[in-house]
Amino acid sequence: MKSGFLIPLLLFGFLYVAVMLPQSRRRKQAAALQRSVEPGSQVMLTSGLFATVVEIDDDTVIVQAAPGVELRYAKAAVLRVLPDPTTEVDEPDEADDHDGGNDGESGPVSPS
């Protein structure tokens, strides 16, 4: 009789770990993302629209898709915040180039 109770208990434990925990993590990440949105941020919306945040209300965000074009979306429509294009990105050093400076291109080929 104990094995009849153990199987449903193990099944519930497996479903909890496989379904509910990842869903909880995604929900927490989405909430953190929505808190990180601020005016001036470059964002990508769930519709694929790239825009700049102009104003934030309680549950809506106003974005500028083009100069003079402002759109109102739900905060949940913000898929991700894009990195600021004005921040510097570390360029690889010349010393990190392991092929002797050759960028995968061969030099001019002389006719034989």
C-alpha atoms as a PDB file:
ATOM      1  CA  MET A   1       0.000   0.000   0.000  1.00  0.00           C
ATOM      2  CA  LYS A   2       2.931   2.335   0.641  1.00  0.00           C
ATOM      3  CA  SER A   3       4.115   2.098  -2.986  1.00  0.00           C
ATOM      4  CA  GLY A   4       0.643   3.246  -4.155  1.00  0.00           C
ATOM      5  CA  PHE A   5       1.144   6.475  -2.192  1.00  0.00           C
ATOM      6  CA  LEU A   6       4.800   6.910  -3.089  1.00  0.00           C
ATOM      7  CA  ILE A   7       4.356   7.028  -6.881  1.00  0.00           C
ATOM      8  CA  PRO A   8       1.917  10.010  -6.933  1.00  0.00           C
ATOM      9  CA  LEU A   9       4.112  11.804  -4.399  1.00  0.00           C
ATOM     10  CA  LEU A  10       7.207  11.333  -6.596  1.00  0.00           C
ATOM     11  CA  LEU A  11       5.242  12.401  -9.673  1.00  0.00           C
ATOM     12  CA  PHE A  12       4.122  15.590  -7.930  1.00  0.00           C
ATOM     13  CA  GLY A  13       7.710  16.281  -6.821  1.00  0.00           C
ATOM     14  CA  PHE A  14       9.005  15.816 -10.360  1.00  0.00           C
ATOM     15  CA  LEU A  15       6.327  18.108 -11.842  1.00  0.00           C
ATOM     16  CA  TYR A  16       7.070  20.753  -9.217  1.00  0.00           C
ATOM     17  CA  VAL A  17      10.778  20.765 -10.038  1.00  0.00           C
ATOM     18  CA  ALA A  18      10.296  20.507 -13.810  1.00  0.00           C
ATOM     19  CA  VAL A  19       7.467  23.032 -14.255  1.00  0.00           C
ATOM     20  CA  MET A  20       6.786  25.264 -11.287  1.00  0.00           C
ATOM     21  CA  LEU A  21      10.321  26.284 -10.287  1.00  0.00           C
ATOM     22  CA  PRO A  22      11.383  27.473 -13.779  1.00  0.00           C
ATOM     23  CA  GLN A  23       8.087  29.347 -14.143  1.00  0.00           C
ATOM     24  CA  SER A  24       8.692  31.098 -10.822  1.00  0.00           C
ATOM     25  CA  ARG A  25      12.208  32.085 -11.941  1.00  0.00           C
ATOM     26  CA  ARG A  26      10.877  33.519 -15.216  1.00  0.00           C
ATOM     27  CA  ARG A  27       8.232  35.506 -13.341  1.00  0.00           C
ATOM     28  CA  LYS A  28      10.884  36.969 -11.011  1.00  0.00           C
ATOM     29  CA  GLN A  29      13.134  37.855 -13.969  1.00  0.00           C
ATOM     30  CA  ALA A  30      10.255  39.584 -15.767  1.00  0.00           C
ATOM     31  CA  ALA A  31       9.424  41.609 -12.645  1.00  0.00           C
ATOM     32  CA  ALA A  32      13.083  42.631 -12.257  1.00  0.00           C
ATOM     33  CA  LEU A  33      13.201  43.646 -15.922  1.00  0.00           C
ATOM     34  CA  GLN A  34      10.087  45.794 -15.567  1.00  0.00           C
ATOM     35  CA  ARG A  35      11.615  47.506 -12.524  1.00  0.00           C
ATOM     36  CA  SER A  36      14.835  48.229 -14.445  1.00  0.00           C
ATOM     37  CA  VAL A  37      13.049  50.106 -17.251  1.00  0.00           C
ATOM     38  CA  GLU A  38      13.515  53.855 -16.939  1.00  0.00           C
ATOM     39  CA  PRO A  39      13.020  56.845 -19.239  1.00  0.00           C
ATOM     40  CA  GLY A  40      15.732  56.970 -21.892  1.00  0.00           C
ATOM     41  CA  SER A  41      16.229  53.189 -21.954  1.00  0.00           C
ATOM     42  CA  GLN A  42      16.374  51.452 -25.322  1.00  0.00           C
ATOM     43  CA  VAL A  43      13.938  48.521 -25.246  1.00  0.00           C
ATOM     44  CA  MET A  44      12.658  45.734 -27.449  1.00  0.00           C
ATOM     45  CA  LEU A  45       8.955  44.980 -27.087  1.00  0.00           C
ATOM     46  CA  THR A  46       7.289  41.593 -27.473  1.00  0.00           C
ATOM     47  CA  SER A  47       6.014  42.732 -30.885  1.00  0.00           C
ATOM     48  CA  GLY A  48       9.622  43.145 -32.070  1.00  0.00           C
ATOM     49  CA  LEU A  49       9.467  46.944 -31.956  1.00  0.00           C
ATOM     50  CA  PHE A  50      12.685  48.709 -30.915  1.00  0.00           C
ATOM     51  CA  ALA A  51      11.986  51.984 -29.134  1.00  0.00           C
ATOM     52  CA  THR A  52      13.134  54.463 -26.498  1.00  0.00           C
ATOM     53  CA  VAL A  53      11.201  54.761 -23.236  1.00  0.00           C
ATOM     54  CA  VAL A  54       9.791  58.270 -22.792  1.00  0.00           C
ATOM     55  CA  GLU A  55       7.525  57.915 -19.761  1.00  0.00           C
ATOM     56  CA  ILE A  56       6.534  55.227 -17.261  1.00  0.00           C
ATOM     57  CA  ASP A  57       3.182  54.999 -15.450  1.00  0.00           C
ATOM     58  CA  ASP A  58       2.010  52.374 -12.950  1.00  0.00           C
ATOM     59  CA  ASP A  59       1.352  49.611 -15.480  1.00  0.00           C
ATOM     60  CA  THR A  60       2.043  51.283 -18.825  1.00  0.00           C
ATOM     61  CA  VAL A  61       5.068  52.596 -20.644  1.00  0.00           C
ATOM     62  CA  ILE A  62       5.156  55.262 -23.347  1.00  0.00           C
ATOM     63  CA  VAL A  63       7.831  54.646 -25.969  1.00  0.00           C
ATOM     64  CA  GLN A  64       9.099  56.644 -28.909  1.00  0.00           C
ATOM     65  CA  ALA A  65       9.442  54.474 -32.006  1.00  0.00           C
ATOM     66  CA  ALA A  66      10.487  57.332 -34.309  1.00  0.00           C
ATOM     67  CA  PRO A  67      10.849  61.074 -33.846  1.00  0.00           C
ATOM     68  CA  GLY A  68       7.377  62.354 -32.983  1.00  0.00           C
ATOM     69  CA  VAL A  69       5.809  58.871 -32.814  1.00  0.00           C
ATOM     70  CA  GLU A  70       4.912  57.929 -29.227  1.00  0.00           C
ATOM     71  CA  LEU A  71       3.106  54.689 -28.417  1.00  0.00           C
ATOM     72  CA  ARG A  72       1.562  53.448 -25.152  1.00  0.00           C
ATOM     73  CA  TYR A  73       2.162  49.795 -24.206  1.00  0.00           C
ATOM     74  CA  ALA A  74       1.657  47.656 -21.124  1.00  0.00           C
ATOM     75  CA  LYS A  75       4.840  47.277 -19.075  1.00  0.00           C
ATOM     76  CA  ALA A  76       4.605  43.522 -19.616  1.00  0.00           C
ATOM     77  CA  ALA A  77       5.194  44.138 -23.344  1.00  0.00           C
ATOM     78  CA  VAL A  78       8.837  45.043 -22.660  1.00  0.00           C
ATOM     79  CA  LEU A  79      10.769  41.946 -23.649  1.00  0.00           C
ATOM     80  CA  ARG A  80      14.249  43.220 -22.862  1.00  0.00           C
ATOM     81  CA  VAL A  81      16.256  46.340 -22.149  1.00  0.00           C
ATOM     82  CA  LEU A  82      18.991  46.872 -24.716  1.00  0.00           C
ATOM     83  CA  PRO A  83      22.505  47.965 -23.739  1.00  0.00           C
ATOM     84  CA  ASP A  84      23.228  51.663 -24.059  1.00  0.00           C
ATOM     85  CA  PRO A  85      24.940  52.228 -27.443  1.00  0.00           C
ATOM     86  CA  THR A  86      27.047  55.063 -25.981  1.00  0.00           C
ATOM     87  CA  THR A  87      28.863  52.790 -23.528  1.00  0.00           C
ATOM     88  CA  GLU A  88      32.242  51.542 -24.644  1.00  0.00           C
ATOM     89  CA  VAL A  89      32.625  47.928 -25.619  1.00  0.00           C
ATOM     90  CA  ASP A  90      36.016  46.369 -24.937  1.00  0.00           C
ATOM     91  CA  GLU A  91      37.739  45.699 -28.224  1.00  0.00           C
ATOM     92  CA  PRO A  92      40.009  42.658 -28.399  1.00  0.00           C
ATOM     93  CA  ASP A  93      43.669  43.569 -28.125  1.00  0.00           C
ATOM     94  CA  GLU A  94      46.065  42.970 -30.987  1.00  0.00           C
ATOM     95  CA  ALA A  95      48.026  40.702 -28.630  1.00  0.00           C
ATOM     96  CA  ASP A  96      44.971  38.454 -28.314  1.00  0.00           C
ATOM     97  CA  ASP A  97      45.193  37.671 -32.019  1.00  0.00           C
ATOM     98  CA  HIS A  98      46.677  34.164 -32.123  1.00  0.00           C
ATOM     99  CA  ASP A  99      47.100  33.841 -35.871  1.00  0.00           C
ATOM    100  CA  GLY A 100      49.856  36.409 -36.159  1.00  0.00           C
ATOM    101  CA  GLY A 101      47.641  39.285 -37.244  1.00  0.00           C
ATOM    102  CA  ASN A 102      46.236  37.448 -40.225  1.00  0.00           C
ATOM    103  CA  ASP A 103      42.464  37.948 -40.137  1.00  0.00           C
ATOM    104  CA  GLY A 104      41.777  34.688 -41.888  1.00  0.00           C
ATOM    105  CA  GLU A 105      42.538  36.185 -45.263  1.00  0.00           C
ATOM    106  CA  SER A 106      45.412  35.123 -47.391  1.00  0.00           C
ATOM    107  CA  GLY A 107      47.606  37.714 -49.030  1.00  0.00           C
ATOM    108  CA  PRO A 108      47.717  38.421 -52.732  1.00  0.00           C
ATOM    109  CA  VAL A 109      48.371  35.375 -54.811  1.00  0.00           C
ATOM    110  CA  SER A 110      51.084  35.809 -57.431  1.00  0.00           C
ATOM    111  CA  PRO A 111      50.496  34.137 -60.763  1.00  0.00           C
ATOM    112  CA  SER A 112      52.723  31.142 -61.411  1.00  0.00           C
END
